N, C-alpha and C. Protein backbone atom coordinates (compact mmCIF):
# COMPACT_ATOMS: atom_id res chain seq x y z
N MET A 1 0.84 -1.17 0.00
CA MET A 1 0.00 0.00 0.00
C MET A 1 0.89 1.23 0.00
N THR A 2 0.31 2.35 -0.33
CA THR A 2 1.10 3.58 -0.35
C THR A 2 1.09 4.22 1.04
N THR A 3 2.01 5.14 1.23
CA THR A 3 2.04 5.88 2.50
C THR A 3 0.72 6.59 2.72
N ARG A 4 0.17 7.16 1.66
CA ARG A 4 -1.12 7.86 1.77
C ARG A 4 -2.20 6.92 2.28
N GLN A 5 -2.26 5.71 1.72
CA GLN A 5 -3.25 4.74 2.18
C GLN A 5 -3.00 4.37 3.64
N TRP A 6 -1.73 4.16 4.00
CA TRP A 6 -1.43 3.81 5.39
C TRP A 6 -1.85 4.93 6.34
N ARG A 7 -1.60 6.18 5.96
CA ARG A 7 -1.98 7.29 6.83
C ARG A 7 -3.49 7.33 7.03
N HIS A 8 -4.27 7.02 6.00
CA HIS A 8 -5.73 6.97 6.15
C HIS A 8 -6.13 5.81 7.05
N LEU A 9 -5.46 4.67 6.90
CA LEU A 9 -5.72 3.54 7.79
C LEU A 9 -5.37 3.92 9.22
N ASP A 10 -4.25 4.60 9.41
CA ASP A 10 -3.85 5.07 10.74
C ASP A 10 -4.95 5.94 11.35
N GLY A 11 -5.53 6.80 10.54
CA GLY A 11 -6.62 7.66 11.02
C GLY A 11 -7.86 6.86 11.39
N ALA A 12 -8.18 5.85 10.59
CA ALA A 12 -9.34 5.00 10.91
C ALA A 12 -9.10 4.24 12.21
N LEU A 13 -7.88 3.75 12.39
CA LEU A 13 -7.54 3.05 13.63
C LEU A 13 -7.63 4.01 14.81
N ASP A 14 -7.17 5.24 14.62
CA ASP A 14 -7.26 6.24 15.68
C ASP A 14 -8.72 6.49 16.06
N SER A 15 -9.58 6.57 15.07
CA SER A 15 -11.02 6.76 15.35
C SER A 15 -11.59 5.56 16.10
N ALA A 16 -11.19 4.35 15.70
CA ALA A 16 -11.66 3.15 16.39
C ALA A 16 -11.19 3.15 17.84
N ILE A 17 -9.97 3.59 18.06
CA ILE A 17 -9.43 3.67 19.42
C ILE A 17 -10.25 4.65 20.26
N SER A 18 -10.57 5.80 19.69
CA SER A 18 -11.34 6.81 20.41
C SER A 18 -12.72 6.29 20.80
N VAL A 19 -13.39 5.65 19.87
CA VAL A 19 -14.71 5.10 20.15
C VAL A 19 -14.62 3.99 21.20
N ALA A 20 -13.64 3.12 21.07
CA ALA A 20 -13.47 2.04 22.04
C ALA A 20 -13.20 2.59 23.43
N ALA A 21 -12.41 3.63 23.52
CA ALA A 21 -12.09 4.23 24.82
C ALA A 21 -13.34 4.84 25.45
N GLU A 22 -14.21 5.42 24.63
CA GLU A 22 -15.43 6.03 25.15
C GLU A 22 -16.46 5.00 25.56
N ASN A 23 -16.54 3.89 24.81
CA ASN A 23 -17.62 2.91 25.01
C ASN A 23 -17.21 1.68 25.77
N GLY A 24 -15.98 1.58 26.20
CA GLY A 24 -15.51 0.31 26.75
C GLY A 24 -15.03 -0.55 25.59
N ASP A 25 -14.29 -1.57 25.90
CA ASP A 25 -13.63 -2.29 24.81
C ASP A 25 -13.71 -3.80 25.00
N PRO A 26 -14.85 -4.40 24.71
CA PRO A 26 -14.99 -5.84 24.96
C PRO A 26 -14.10 -6.72 24.09
N ARG A 27 -13.68 -6.25 22.92
CA ARG A 27 -12.83 -7.07 22.03
C ARG A 27 -11.38 -6.61 22.05
N GLN A 28 -11.03 -5.79 22.98
CA GLN A 28 -9.67 -5.28 23.12
C GLN A 28 -9.21 -4.51 21.87
N ILE A 29 -10.15 -3.86 21.21
CA ILE A 29 -9.81 -3.07 20.02
C ILE A 29 -8.82 -1.97 20.38
N LEU A 30 -9.03 -1.38 21.54
CA LEU A 30 -8.15 -0.29 21.98
C LEU A 30 -6.69 -0.75 21.96
N TRP A 31 -6.42 -1.88 22.53
CA TRP A 31 -5.05 -2.40 22.61
C TRP A 31 -4.55 -2.83 21.23
N ALA A 32 -5.35 -3.58 20.49
CA ALA A 32 -4.92 -4.09 19.19
C ALA A 32 -4.70 -2.97 18.18
N ALA A 33 -5.64 -2.04 18.10
CA ALA A 33 -5.51 -0.94 17.13
C ALA A 33 -4.32 -0.05 17.48
N SER A 34 -4.09 0.15 18.76
CA SER A 34 -2.92 0.93 19.17
C SER A 34 -1.63 0.24 18.74
N GLY A 35 -1.59 -1.08 18.85
CA GLY A 35 -0.41 -1.84 18.42
C GLY A 35 -0.17 -1.74 16.93
N ILE A 36 -1.25 -1.76 16.14
CA ILE A 36 -1.12 -1.63 14.69
C ILE A 36 -0.57 -0.25 14.34
N ARG A 37 -1.10 0.79 14.99
CA ARG A 37 -0.60 2.14 14.73
C ARG A 37 0.88 2.24 15.08
N ARG A 38 1.27 1.71 16.24
CA ARG A 38 2.68 1.75 16.65
C ARG A 38 3.55 1.02 15.64
N ALA A 39 3.07 -0.11 15.13
CA ALA A 39 3.85 -0.86 14.12
C ALA A 39 4.08 0.01 12.89
N GLY A 40 3.06 0.74 12.46
CA GLY A 40 3.23 1.65 11.32
C GLY A 40 4.21 2.75 11.61
N TRP A 41 4.10 3.33 12.79
CA TRP A 41 5.03 4.40 13.15
C TRP A 41 6.46 3.86 13.17
N ASP A 42 6.62 2.69 13.77
CA ASP A 42 7.97 2.11 13.90
C ASP A 42 8.53 1.67 12.55
N GLN A 43 7.71 0.96 11.76
CA GLN A 43 8.19 0.35 10.54
C GLN A 43 8.19 1.30 9.34
N ILE A 44 7.21 2.17 9.26
CA ILE A 44 7.06 3.02 8.08
C ILE A 44 7.63 4.41 8.33
N ALA A 45 7.26 5.00 9.46
CA ALA A 45 7.73 6.35 9.75
C ALA A 45 9.05 6.34 10.52
N HIS A 46 9.50 5.16 10.89
CA HIS A 46 10.78 5.01 11.62
C HIS A 46 10.80 5.87 12.88
N TRP A 47 9.65 5.83 13.61
CA TRP A 47 9.52 6.57 14.84
C TRP A 47 10.28 5.87 15.95
N ILE A 48 11.06 6.62 16.67
CA ILE A 48 11.82 6.10 17.80
C ILE A 48 11.49 6.98 19.00
N PRO A 49 10.83 6.41 20.02
CA PRO A 49 10.46 7.22 21.18
C PRO A 49 11.67 7.97 21.74
N GLY A 50 11.47 9.26 21.97
CA GLY A 50 12.51 10.08 22.57
C GLY A 50 13.57 10.59 21.62
N VAL A 51 13.45 10.26 20.32
CA VAL A 51 14.45 10.72 19.35
C VAL A 51 13.83 11.81 18.48
N ALA A 52 14.29 13.02 18.69
CA ALA A 52 13.79 14.15 17.90
C ALA A 52 14.09 13.94 16.43
N GLY A 53 13.13 14.27 15.57
CA GLY A 53 13.34 14.15 14.13
C GLY A 53 12.96 12.80 13.56
N SER A 54 12.74 11.81 14.42
CA SER A 54 12.28 10.53 13.89
C SER A 54 10.77 10.64 13.68
N GLY A 55 10.21 9.70 12.96
CA GLY A 55 8.78 9.68 12.78
C GLY A 55 8.26 10.40 11.56
N ASP A 56 9.11 10.68 10.59
CA ASP A 56 8.64 11.32 9.37
C ASP A 56 8.11 10.26 8.41
N TRP A 57 6.92 10.51 7.88
CA TRP A 57 6.34 9.58 6.91
C TRP A 57 7.04 9.75 5.57
N PRO A 58 7.21 8.66 4.82
CA PRO A 58 7.73 8.78 3.45
C PRO A 58 6.73 9.55 2.58
N PRO A 59 7.12 9.90 1.36
CA PRO A 59 6.19 10.58 0.44
C PRO A 59 4.91 9.76 0.24
N ASP A 60 3.81 10.47 -0.02
CA ASP A 60 2.50 9.83 -0.15
C ASP A 60 2.45 8.69 -1.15
N ASP A 61 3.17 8.79 -2.24
CA ASP A 61 3.07 7.78 -3.29
C ASP A 61 4.06 6.63 -3.13
N GLU A 62 4.85 6.65 -2.07
CA GLU A 62 5.82 5.57 -1.85
C GLU A 62 5.10 4.31 -1.37
N ASP A 63 5.45 3.17 -1.95
CA ASP A 63 4.91 1.90 -1.48
C ASP A 63 5.56 1.55 -0.16
N VAL A 64 4.74 1.15 0.81
CA VAL A 64 5.23 0.78 2.12
C VAL A 64 4.68 -0.59 2.50
N VAL A 65 5.41 -1.26 3.36
CA VAL A 65 5.00 -2.58 3.82
C VAL A 65 5.12 -2.60 5.34
N ALA A 66 4.07 -3.02 5.99
CA ALA A 66 4.12 -3.21 7.45
C ALA A 66 3.94 -4.69 7.72
N GLN A 67 4.72 -5.20 8.62
CA GLN A 67 4.60 -6.60 9.03
C GLN A 67 3.64 -6.67 10.22
N LEU A 68 2.49 -7.28 10.00
CA LEU A 68 1.48 -7.44 11.04
C LEU A 68 0.99 -8.88 11.05
N SER A 69 0.39 -9.28 12.14
CA SER A 69 -0.22 -10.62 12.21
C SER A 69 -1.49 -10.64 11.37
N ARG A 70 -1.96 -11.83 11.05
CA ARG A 70 -3.22 -11.97 10.30
C ARG A 70 -4.37 -11.30 11.08
N ALA A 71 -4.37 -11.50 12.39
CA ALA A 71 -5.43 -10.90 13.21
C ALA A 71 -5.38 -9.38 13.14
N ASP A 72 -4.18 -8.82 13.16
CA ASP A 72 -4.05 -7.36 13.06
C ASP A 72 -4.51 -6.87 11.70
N TRP A 73 -4.14 -7.58 10.63
CA TRP A 73 -4.58 -7.18 9.30
C TRP A 73 -6.10 -7.28 9.19
N ALA A 74 -6.69 -8.32 9.79
CA ALA A 74 -8.14 -8.47 9.75
C ALA A 74 -8.82 -7.31 10.46
N LEU A 75 -8.28 -6.91 11.61
CA LEU A 75 -8.83 -5.76 12.32
C LEU A 75 -8.64 -4.49 11.51
N ALA A 76 -7.50 -4.35 10.86
CA ALA A 76 -7.26 -3.18 10.01
C ALA A 76 -8.29 -3.09 8.89
N ALA A 77 -8.58 -4.22 8.26
CA ALA A 77 -9.59 -4.25 7.19
C ALA A 77 -10.97 -3.89 7.73
N GLU A 78 -11.29 -4.43 8.89
CA GLU A 78 -12.58 -4.13 9.51
C GLU A 78 -12.71 -2.64 9.82
N CYS A 79 -11.68 -2.06 10.40
CA CYS A 79 -11.70 -0.63 10.72
C CYS A 79 -11.79 0.23 9.45
N ALA A 80 -11.02 -0.13 8.43
CA ALA A 80 -11.07 0.62 7.17
C ALA A 80 -12.47 0.59 6.58
N GLY A 81 -13.10 -0.58 6.57
CA GLY A 81 -14.45 -0.69 6.03
C GLY A 81 -15.46 0.10 6.83
N HIS A 82 -15.38 0.00 8.14
CA HIS A 82 -16.31 0.72 9.00
C HIS A 82 -16.19 2.22 8.80
N TRP A 83 -14.96 2.74 8.85
CA TRP A 83 -14.78 4.18 8.76
C TRP A 83 -14.98 4.69 7.35
N ALA A 84 -14.84 3.83 6.33
CA ALA A 84 -15.21 4.23 4.97
C ALA A 84 -16.72 4.48 4.90
N ALA A 85 -17.48 3.60 5.53
CA ALA A 85 -18.94 3.77 5.54
C ALA A 85 -19.32 5.04 6.29
N VAL A 86 -18.68 5.30 7.42
CA VAL A 86 -18.96 6.52 8.18
C VAL A 86 -18.62 7.75 7.34
N ALA A 87 -17.46 7.74 6.70
CA ALA A 87 -17.05 8.88 5.88
C ALA A 87 -18.04 9.13 4.75
N ALA A 88 -18.50 8.06 4.11
CA ALA A 88 -19.47 8.21 3.02
C ALA A 88 -20.79 8.78 3.53
N THR A 89 -21.19 8.38 4.71
CA THR A 89 -22.44 8.85 5.30
C THR A 89 -22.43 10.35 5.53
N VAL A 90 -21.27 10.90 5.85
CA VAL A 90 -21.19 12.34 6.12
C VAL A 90 -20.66 13.13 4.91
N GLY A 91 -20.61 12.47 3.75
CA GLY A 91 -20.26 13.17 2.53
C GLY A 91 -18.78 13.30 2.24
N HIS A 92 -17.94 12.58 2.96
CA HIS A 92 -16.49 12.62 2.71
C HIS A 92 -16.11 11.47 1.77
N GLU A 93 -16.53 11.62 0.52
CA GLU A 93 -16.36 10.53 -0.45
C GLU A 93 -14.90 10.22 -0.76
N GLN A 94 -14.04 11.22 -0.77
CA GLN A 94 -12.63 10.95 -1.06
C GLN A 94 -12.01 10.08 0.04
N GLU A 95 -12.28 10.43 1.29
CA GLU A 95 -11.81 9.62 2.42
C GLU A 95 -12.39 8.21 2.35
N ALA A 96 -13.67 8.14 2.05
CA ALA A 96 -14.33 6.83 1.96
C ALA A 96 -13.69 5.99 0.86
N ALA A 97 -13.39 6.60 -0.27
CA ALA A 97 -12.79 5.86 -1.38
C ALA A 97 -11.41 5.32 -1.02
N VAL A 98 -10.60 6.14 -0.35
CA VAL A 98 -9.27 5.68 0.05
C VAL A 98 -9.40 4.51 1.02
N LEU A 99 -10.28 4.65 2.01
CA LEU A 99 -10.44 3.58 2.99
C LEU A 99 -11.00 2.30 2.37
N ARG A 100 -11.91 2.44 1.40
CA ARG A 100 -12.41 1.24 0.69
C ARG A 100 -11.28 0.56 -0.07
N SER A 101 -10.38 1.36 -0.66
CA SER A 101 -9.26 0.76 -1.39
C SER A 101 -8.31 0.06 -0.43
N VAL A 102 -8.12 0.62 0.75
CA VAL A 102 -7.28 -0.03 1.76
C VAL A 102 -7.92 -1.33 2.20
N GLN A 103 -9.22 -1.30 2.47
CA GLN A 103 -9.90 -2.52 2.89
C GLN A 103 -9.77 -3.60 1.83
N ALA A 104 -10.00 -3.24 0.57
CA ALA A 104 -9.91 -4.22 -0.51
C ALA A 104 -8.49 -4.79 -0.63
N LEU A 105 -7.51 -3.95 -0.51
CA LEU A 105 -6.12 -4.38 -0.59
C LEU A 105 -5.78 -5.36 0.53
N VAL A 106 -6.20 -5.05 1.74
CA VAL A 106 -5.91 -5.91 2.89
C VAL A 106 -6.66 -7.23 2.77
N VAL A 107 -7.93 -7.18 2.40
CA VAL A 107 -8.71 -8.41 2.25
C VAL A 107 -8.11 -9.29 1.15
N GLU A 108 -7.68 -8.67 0.06
CA GLU A 108 -7.03 -9.41 -1.01
C GLU A 108 -5.74 -10.09 -0.51
N GLY A 109 -4.96 -9.37 0.25
CA GLY A 109 -3.74 -9.93 0.80
C GLY A 109 -4.01 -11.08 1.75
N LEU A 110 -5.04 -10.92 2.58
CA LEU A 110 -5.39 -11.99 3.51
C LEU A 110 -5.89 -13.22 2.76
N SER A 111 -6.67 -13.01 1.70
CA SER A 111 -7.17 -14.13 0.92
C SER A 111 -6.03 -14.86 0.21
N ALA A 112 -5.07 -14.11 -0.31
CA ALA A 112 -3.95 -14.70 -1.03
C ALA A 112 -3.08 -15.54 -0.11
N THR A 113 -2.92 -15.12 1.13
CA THR A 113 -2.06 -15.87 2.05
C THR A 113 -2.76 -17.08 2.64
N SER A 114 -4.10 -17.13 2.54
CA SER A 114 -4.80 -18.30 3.08
C SER A 114 -5.05 -19.35 2.01
N ALA A 115 -4.76 -19.01 0.76
CA ALA A 115 -5.03 -19.95 -0.34
C ALA A 115 -3.94 -21.00 -0.46
């Protein structure tokens, strides 16, 4: 996926975290989604806690790869799909389109690895 797509996924995960924190978290979404975001920061943005200047995202069109578990990727796809629907409902079609493309990409990857 591109950096741009990952940043949109990061935003969807952040929204999921916020909702989970407000409503309680029976499926541990708060913990899992936070871990996915940290993996992106560490692996893609090269964020290092306490190191000034670390954490810069690559250019939007750069292809990036994050190593996540199947369960994390499944949650990422679920969050992308959910927040795409929310974005579409409030008229943010561009955001919805990016998140739908992320969901499709992740689902395709999960399907390919289970075949």
